[in-house]
Amino acid sequence: MRILVTGGAGFIGSNLVKHLAAAGHETCVVDDFSSATWTNLVDYTGDVVTLDLAGDVSVLDRKPFDVIFHEASITDTTVMDQRKMMTNNVEAFRNLLDLAAKWKSRMVWASSAATYGRGASPNKESQAAEPLNVYGYSKLAMERLAQHYQPQLAHPIIGLRYFNVYGAGEGHKGKFASMIGQLAAQMRAGKRPRIFYDGEQRRDFVYIDDVIAANLAAMQCKTSGVFNVGSGNSFTYNQVVEQLNRVLKTDLPPEYFENPYSFFQTWTEADLTQSRNILGHNPRFDLARGIDAYHASGKLGGLTNMKSIRC
């Protein structure tokens, strides 16, 4: 098939587009390179288009795509500029939905567990949305926009609520990399891993290979909707440090500090009932196995922007 991957130079997008290209699909990356990196595409031989998706996207309208994977997004969840967040996330999505309707394309797109806010965990798709900041709200607005466009589309449209994704390909993200990547970078530098007091906050950490598998399953799904993409379990930051000490062969205790963010989620965990039954998402990696795989890739803790790391 002919497949478009937006945000294809970013963490998830680059992993996805290289998998699709290896499977024999004709692929095209679209990215504005505002937060992504060319280094993720060195071993990708397909087309790359540099484009602001919130602007004029007519350059894409030369030959239709069978499938659109929309992974592009502002990845800084602390951005408070409402206009910037809504324009880059929501209006870019609207432009792509117009193209999907015109081309009769199937679309799979990235939502976020940020829509749940501090809602009860395990998080179910049916529970009320409670976003804590404009990033979470922008993803909720995108979900509602997708529902509005659904009758105009020739195929089901699938939104994926990503939980905390980690793995090879995130090194360029610096302070926006996963906590696993950030803490590993500190520990590889011989520093104690800095985490919010008291380290018992829980997260559903999902390994990149499981995220790619969920996207591929969504490409075949016959039902429109929004589905959780997580490991189906939650782990504390203290447990993450324990696992990193194990694979890095270090013995560095956490350094705790106060959490400065009012919009912090204290517990996220994906309920995968709908994802398993409808999407066919069956994750293979728990925290230990995912960290093992990340370490085996040679990329664990290899962040390229160490000065900007925050924890």
Protein backbone atom coordinates (compact mmCIF):
# COMPACT_ATOMS: atom_id res chain seq x y z
CA MET A 1 0.00 0.00 0.00
CA ARG A 2 0.92 3.65 -0.28
CA ILE A 3 1.24 4.95 3.27
CA LEU A 4 1.82 8.41 4.75
CA VAL A 5 3.38 8.72 8.21
CA THR A 6 3.27 12.17 9.79
CA GLY A 7 5.83 12.87 12.47
CA GLY A 8 7.87 10.22 10.72
CA ALA A 9 11.21 11.63 11.91
CA GLY A 10 10.10 11.44 15.53
CA PHE A 11 10.32 8.60 18.03
CA ILE A 12 7.20 6.54 17.25
CA GLY A 13 6.86 7.69 13.65
CA SER A 14 10.38 6.71 12.61
CA ASN A 15 10.05 3.24 14.15
CA LEU A 16 6.71 2.79 12.43
CA VAL A 17 7.70 4.01 8.96
CA LYS A 18 10.82 1.84 8.87
CA HIS A 19 8.74 -1.20 9.82
CA LEU A 20 6.21 -0.40 7.07
CA ALA A 21 8.94 0.15 4.48
CA ALA A 22 10.60 -3.13 5.41
CA ALA A 23 7.25 -4.85 4.88
CA GLY A 24 7.22 -3.63 1.27
CA HIS A 25 4.85 -0.68 1.47
CA GLU A 26 5.48 2.55 -0.45
CA THR A 27 5.99 5.04 2.37
CA CYS A 28 6.32 8.78 2.76
CA VAL A 29 7.40 10.72 5.87
CA VAL A 30 6.00 14.15 6.64
CA ASP A 31 7.62 16.16 9.43
CA ASP A 32 8.31 19.81 10.17
CA PHE A 33 11.48 18.82 12.10
CA SER A 34 10.62 21.21 14.94
CA SER A 35 11.15 18.48 17.53
CA ALA A 36 12.25 15.47 15.46
CA THR A 37 15.64 14.61 13.99
CA TRP A 38 17.08 13.54 10.66
CA THR A 39 19.24 10.98 12.45
CA ASN A 40 16.17 8.78 12.94
CA LEU A 41 15.86 8.50 9.15
CA VAL A 42 19.43 7.75 8.09
CA ASP A 43 18.53 4.12 7.40
CA TYR A 44 15.14 4.97 5.83
CA THR A 45 15.20 5.19 2.03
CA GLY A 46 11.65 6.40 1.33
CA ASP A 47 10.39 9.90 0.54
CA VAL A 48 10.60 12.68 3.14
CA VAL A 49 8.50 15.85 2.92
CA THR A 50 9.25 18.81 5.20
CA LEU A 51 5.91 20.43 5.93
CA ASP A 52 3.90 22.29 8.56
CA LEU A 53 0.68 20.28 8.68
CA ALA A 54 -1.25 23.14 10.25
CA GLY A 55 -0.58 25.22 7.12
CA ASP A 56 -0.98 24.55 3.41
CA VAL A 57 -0.89 20.78 2.82
CA SER A 58 -1.75 20.89 -0.89
CA VAL A 59 1.73 19.58 -1.77
CA LEU A 60 0.56 16.20 -0.49
CA ASP A 61 -2.44 16.15 -2.81
CA ARG A 62 -0.55 14.83 -5.84
CA LYS A 63 -1.20 11.15 -5.39
CA PRO A 64 -3.59 9.66 -2.82
CA PHE A 65 -2.43 7.53 0.09
CA ASP A 66 -4.21 4.34 1.09
CA VAL A 67 -3.39 4.79 4.78
CA ILE A 68 -2.44 7.78 6.94
CA PHE A 69 -0.67 7.21 10.25
CA HIS A 70 -0.83 10.54 12.05
CA GLU A 71 1.89 10.52 14.71
CA ALA A 72 2.86 14.21 14.53
CA SER A 73 2.15 16.30 17.61
CA ILE A 74 3.64 18.81 19.99
CA THR A 75 5.40 16.48 22.39
CA ASP A 76 6.05 19.01 25.16
CA THR A 77 3.14 18.40 27.52
CA THR A 78 4.15 21.46 29.58
CA VAL A 79 3.45 23.97 26.79
CA MET A 80 0.93 26.51 28.09
CA ASP A 81 0.46 28.45 24.84
CA GLN A 82 -3.12 27.44 24.08
CA ARG A 83 -3.15 28.82 20.55
CA LYS A 84 0.09 27.06 19.63
CA MET A 85 -1.04 23.72 21.06
CA MET A 86 -4.49 23.79 19.51
CA THR A 87 -3.23 24.98 16.12
CA ASN A 88 -0.43 22.45 15.86
CA ASN A 89 -2.43 19.50 17.15
CA VAL A 90 -6.07 20.09 16.22
CA GLU A 91 -5.90 22.17 13.03
CA ALA A 92 -3.17 19.97 11.55
CA PHE A 93 -5.43 16.98 12.22
CA ARG A 94 -8.35 18.73 10.54
CA ASN A 95 -6.28 19.25 7.39
CA LEU A 96 -5.37 15.57 7.31
CA LEU A 97 -8.96 14.48 7.89
CA ASP A 98 -10.01 16.53 4.87
CA LEU A 99 -7.40 14.72 2.78
CA ALA A 100 -8.42 11.33 4.19
CA ALA A 101 -12.03 12.01 3.21
CA LYS A 102 -10.98 13.08 -0.30
CA TRP A 103 -8.60 10.17 -0.83
CA LYS A 104 -10.84 7.57 0.87
CA SER A 105 -7.88 6.72 3.08
CA ARG A 106 -7.84 4.71 6.26
CA MET A 107 -6.50 6.74 9.18
CA VAL A 108 -4.81 5.71 12.42
CA TRP A 109 -3.80 8.53 14.71
CA ALA A 110 -2.10 9.22 18.05
CA SER A 111 -4.21 10.31 20.99
CA SER A 112 -2.93 10.18 24.57
CA ALA A 113 -3.60 8.88 28.05
CA ALA A 114 -3.35 12.55 29.06
CA THR A 115 -7.10 12.71 28.32
CA TYR A 116 -7.69 10.74 31.54
CA GLY A 117 -5.98 13.23 33.83
CA ARG A 118 -6.32 12.01 37.40
CA GLY A 119 -9.33 9.87 36.57
CA ALA A 120 -9.69 6.49 38.25
CA SER A 121 -7.20 3.79 37.23
CA PRO A 122 -7.09 1.36 35.56
CA ASN A 123 -8.15 3.78 32.83
CA LYS A 124 -11.07 2.71 30.63
CA GLU A 125 -12.02 4.33 27.34
CA SER A 126 -15.59 4.68 28.60
CA GLN A 127 -14.74 6.87 31.60
CA ALA A 128 -15.16 10.63 31.57
CA ALA A 129 -12.27 12.63 30.16
CA GLU A 130 -10.47 14.81 32.72
CA PRO A 131 -7.50 16.47 30.98
CA LEU A 132 -5.29 18.51 33.29
CA ASN A 133 -3.67 20.82 30.73
CA VAL A 134 -4.10 22.08 27.18
CA TYR A 135 -2.07 19.18 25.77
CA GLY A 136 -4.56 16.67 27.18
CA TYR A 137 -7.46 18.83 26.03
CA SER A 138 -6.03 19.09 22.49
CA LYS A 139 -6.04 15.29 22.26
CA LEU A 140 -9.62 15.19 23.52
CA ALA A 141 -10.61 17.79 20.92
CA MET A 142 -8.97 15.62 18.26
CA GLU A 143 -10.97 12.60 19.40
CA ARG A 144 -14.19 14.59 19.06
CA LEU A 145 -13.12 15.90 15.66
CA ALA A 146 -12.41 12.35 14.45
CA GLN A 147 -15.88 11.30 15.57
CA HIS A 148 -17.36 14.24 13.65
CA TYR A 149 -15.52 13.24 10.45
CA GLN A 150 -16.26 9.53 10.75
CA PRO A 151 -19.37 9.56 8.50
CA GLN A 152 -17.33 11.24 5.73
CA LEU A 153 -14.60 8.59 5.72
CA ALA A 154 -14.55 5.44 3.62
CA HIS A 155 -12.90 3.35 6.35
CA PRO A 156 -12.91 3.14 10.14
CA ILE A 157 -10.78 5.75 11.89
CA ILE A 158 -8.76 4.56 14.89
CA GLY A 159 -7.34 6.73 17.66
CA LEU A 160 -4.70 5.24 19.95
CA ARG A 161 -4.39 6.55 23.49
CA TYR A 162 -0.68 6.06 24.11
CA PHE A 163 0.49 5.64 27.67
CA ASN A 164 4.20 6.12 28.55
CA VAL A 165 6.10 4.93 25.49
CA TYR A 166 9.82 4.18 25.73
CA GLY A 167 12.51 2.58 23.59
CA ALA A 168 15.14 3.13 20.91
CA GLY A 169 14.62 6.23 18.76
CA GLU A 170 13.77 8.69 21.54
CA GLY A 171 17.34 9.85 22.18
CA HIS A 172 16.83 13.22 20.46
CA LYS A 173 13.95 14.18 22.77
CA GLY A 174 16.11 15.23 25.74
CA LYS A 175 13.83 16.37 28.57
CA PHE A 176 10.80 15.08 26.66
CA ALA A 177 12.13 11.53 26.43
CA SER A 178 10.51 8.84 28.55
CA MET A 179 11.34 8.75 32.24
CA ILE A 180 13.05 5.43 31.58
CA GLY A 181 15.32 7.08 29.02
CA GLN A 182 16.00 10.12 31.19
CA LEU A 183 16.77 8.17 34.36
CA ALA A 184 19.02 5.77 32.45
CA ALA A 185 20.97 8.73 31.04
CA GLN A 186 21.57 10.11 34.53
CA MET A 187 22.63 6.71 35.85
CA ARG A 188 24.97 6.04 32.95
CA ALA A 189 26.64 9.35 33.84
CA GLY A 190 27.18 8.08 37.40
CA LYS A 191 24.48 10.32 38.90
CA ARG A 192 21.71 9.33 41.25
CA PRO A 193 18.37 9.16 39.40
CA ARG A 194 16.17 12.15 40.30
CA ILE A 195 12.49 11.37 40.79
CA PHE A 196 9.57 13.11 42.42
CA TYR A 197 9.08 12.39 46.11
CA ASP A 198 8.41 9.59 47.17
CA GLY A 199 8.83 7.62 43.93
CA GLU A 200 5.59 5.67 44.37
CA GLN A 201 3.77 7.40 41.50
CA ARG A 202 2.61 4.73 39.06
CA ARG A 203 2.85 4.70 35.27
CA ASP A 204 1.90 2.29 32.52
CA PHE A 205 5.18 2.06 30.61
CA VAL A 206 4.71 0.57 27.13
CA TYR A 207 7.65 -0.56 24.99
CA ILE A 208 7.93 0.82 21.46
CA ASP A 209 7.59 -2.60 19.76
CA ASP A 210 4.16 -3.04 21.35
CA VAL A 211 3.15 0.43 20.15
CA ILE A 212 4.14 -0.43 16.58
CA ALA A 213 2.18 -3.70 16.81
CA ALA A 214 -0.89 -1.77 17.99
CA ASN A 215 -0.63 0.61 15.01
CA LEU A 216 -0.41 -2.31 12.59
CA ALA A 217 -3.43 -3.95 14.23
CA ALA A 218 -5.35 -0.67 13.95
CA MET A 219 -4.69 -0.62 10.20
CA GLN A 220 -6.83 -3.77 9.95
CA CYS A 221 -9.51 -2.84 12.50
CA LYS A 222 -13.09 -2.87 11.23
CA THR A 223 -14.52 -0.62 13.98
CA SER A 224 -13.92 3.08 14.48
CA GLY A 225 -13.01 4.18 17.97
CA VAL A 226 -10.35 5.19 20.45
CA PHE A 227 -8.31 2.47 22.14
CA ASN A 228 -5.76 2.29 24.94
CA VAL A 229 -2.20 1.34 24.03
CA GLY A 230 -0.27 0.38 27.13
CA SER A 231 1.25 -2.63 28.80
CA GLY A 232 -1.86 -3.20 30.90
CA ASN A 233 0.14 -2.85 34.11
CA SER A 234 1.54 0.01 36.17
CA PHE A 235 4.92 0.35 37.83
CA THR A 236 6.35 2.89 40.26
CA TYR A 237 9.30 5.14 39.52
CA ASN A 238 11.12 3.29 42.30
CA GLN A 239 10.59 0.03 40.40
CA VAL A 240 11.95 1.66 37.24
CA VAL A 241 15.13 2.64 39.12
CA GLU A 242 15.47 -0.94 40.40
CA GLN A 243 15.24 -2.35 36.89
CA LEU A 244 17.70 0.19 35.52
CA ASN A 245 20.19 -0.60 38.28
CA ARG A 246 19.83 -4.27 37.31
CA VAL A 247 20.58 -3.88 33.59
CA LEU A 248 23.19 -1.13 34.00
CA LYS A 249 24.87 -3.03 36.83
CA THR A 250 24.82 0.04 39.07
CA ASP A 251 23.70 0.64 42.63
CA LEU A 252 22.41 4.20 42.58
CA PRO A 253 19.58 5.08 44.99
CA PRO A 254 16.99 7.67 43.93
CA GLU A 255 17.38 11.34 44.78
CA TYR A 256 13.89 12.58 45.62
CA PHE A 257 12.63 16.13 45.06
CA GLU A 258 9.28 17.91 45.17
CA ASN A 259 7.02 17.74 42.13
CA PRO A 260 6.63 21.27 40.66
CA TYR A 261 3.75 20.39 38.31
CA SER A 262 0.11 20.87 39.32
CA PHE A 263 -1.11 18.79 36.37
CA PHE A 264 0.89 15.67 37.22
CA GLN A 265 -0.86 12.29 36.89
CA THR A 266 -0.16 10.13 39.95
CA TRP A 267 -1.36 6.80 38.51
CA THR A 268 -1.95 5.72 34.94
CA GLU A 269 -2.73 2.18 33.90
CA ALA A 270 -4.38 1.03 30.69
CA ASP A 271 -7.42 -1.18 30.86
CA LEU A 272 -6.87 -3.26 27.71
CA THR A 273 -10.24 -5.02 27.53
CA GLN A 274 -11.42 -3.07 24.48
CA SER A 275 -7.98 -3.01 22.91
CA ARG A 276 -7.63 -6.78 23.14
CA ASN A 277 -11.19 -7.60 22.06
CA ILE A 278 -11.57 -5.14 19.18
CA LEU A 279 -8.13 -3.89 18.21
CA GLY A 280 -6.25 -7.12 18.88
CA HIS A 281 -3.62 -5.33 20.97
CA ASN A 282 -1.83 -7.93 23.10
CA PRO A 283 1.39 -6.42 24.50
CA ARG A 284 4.41 -8.72 24.81
CA PHE A 285 6.62 -6.57 27.05
CA ASP A 286 6.32 -5.96 30.76
CA LEU A 287 8.67 -3.45 32.39
CA ALA A 288 11.58 -5.86 32.93
CA ARG A 289 11.41 -7.34 29.44
CA GLY A 290 11.03 -3.91 27.83
CA ILE A 291 14.04 -2.48 29.65
CA ASP A 292 16.00 -5.59 28.70
CA ALA A 293 15.12 -5.03 25.03
CA TYR A 294 15.93 -1.32 25.25
CA HIS A 295 19.30 -2.13 26.81
CA ALA A 296 20.01 -4.77 24.16
CA SER A 297 19.42 -2.14 21.44
CA GLY A 298 22.44 -0.20 22.71
CA LYS A 299 20.33 2.95 22.96
CA LEU A 300 19.24 2.92 26.62
CA GLY A 301 20.09 6.26 28.20
CA GLY A 302 21.71 7.54 25.03
CA LEU A 303 20.08 10.98 25.04
CA THR A 304 21.70 13.54 22.77
CA ASN A 305 20.49 16.63 24.65
CA MET A 306 21.61 15.93 28.21
CA LYS A 307 21.64 19.61 29.27
CA SER A 308 17.88 19.91 28.82
CA ILE A 309 16.91 16.83 30.84
CA ARG A 310 14.39 17.43 33.60
CA CYS A 311 12.89 14.82 35.92
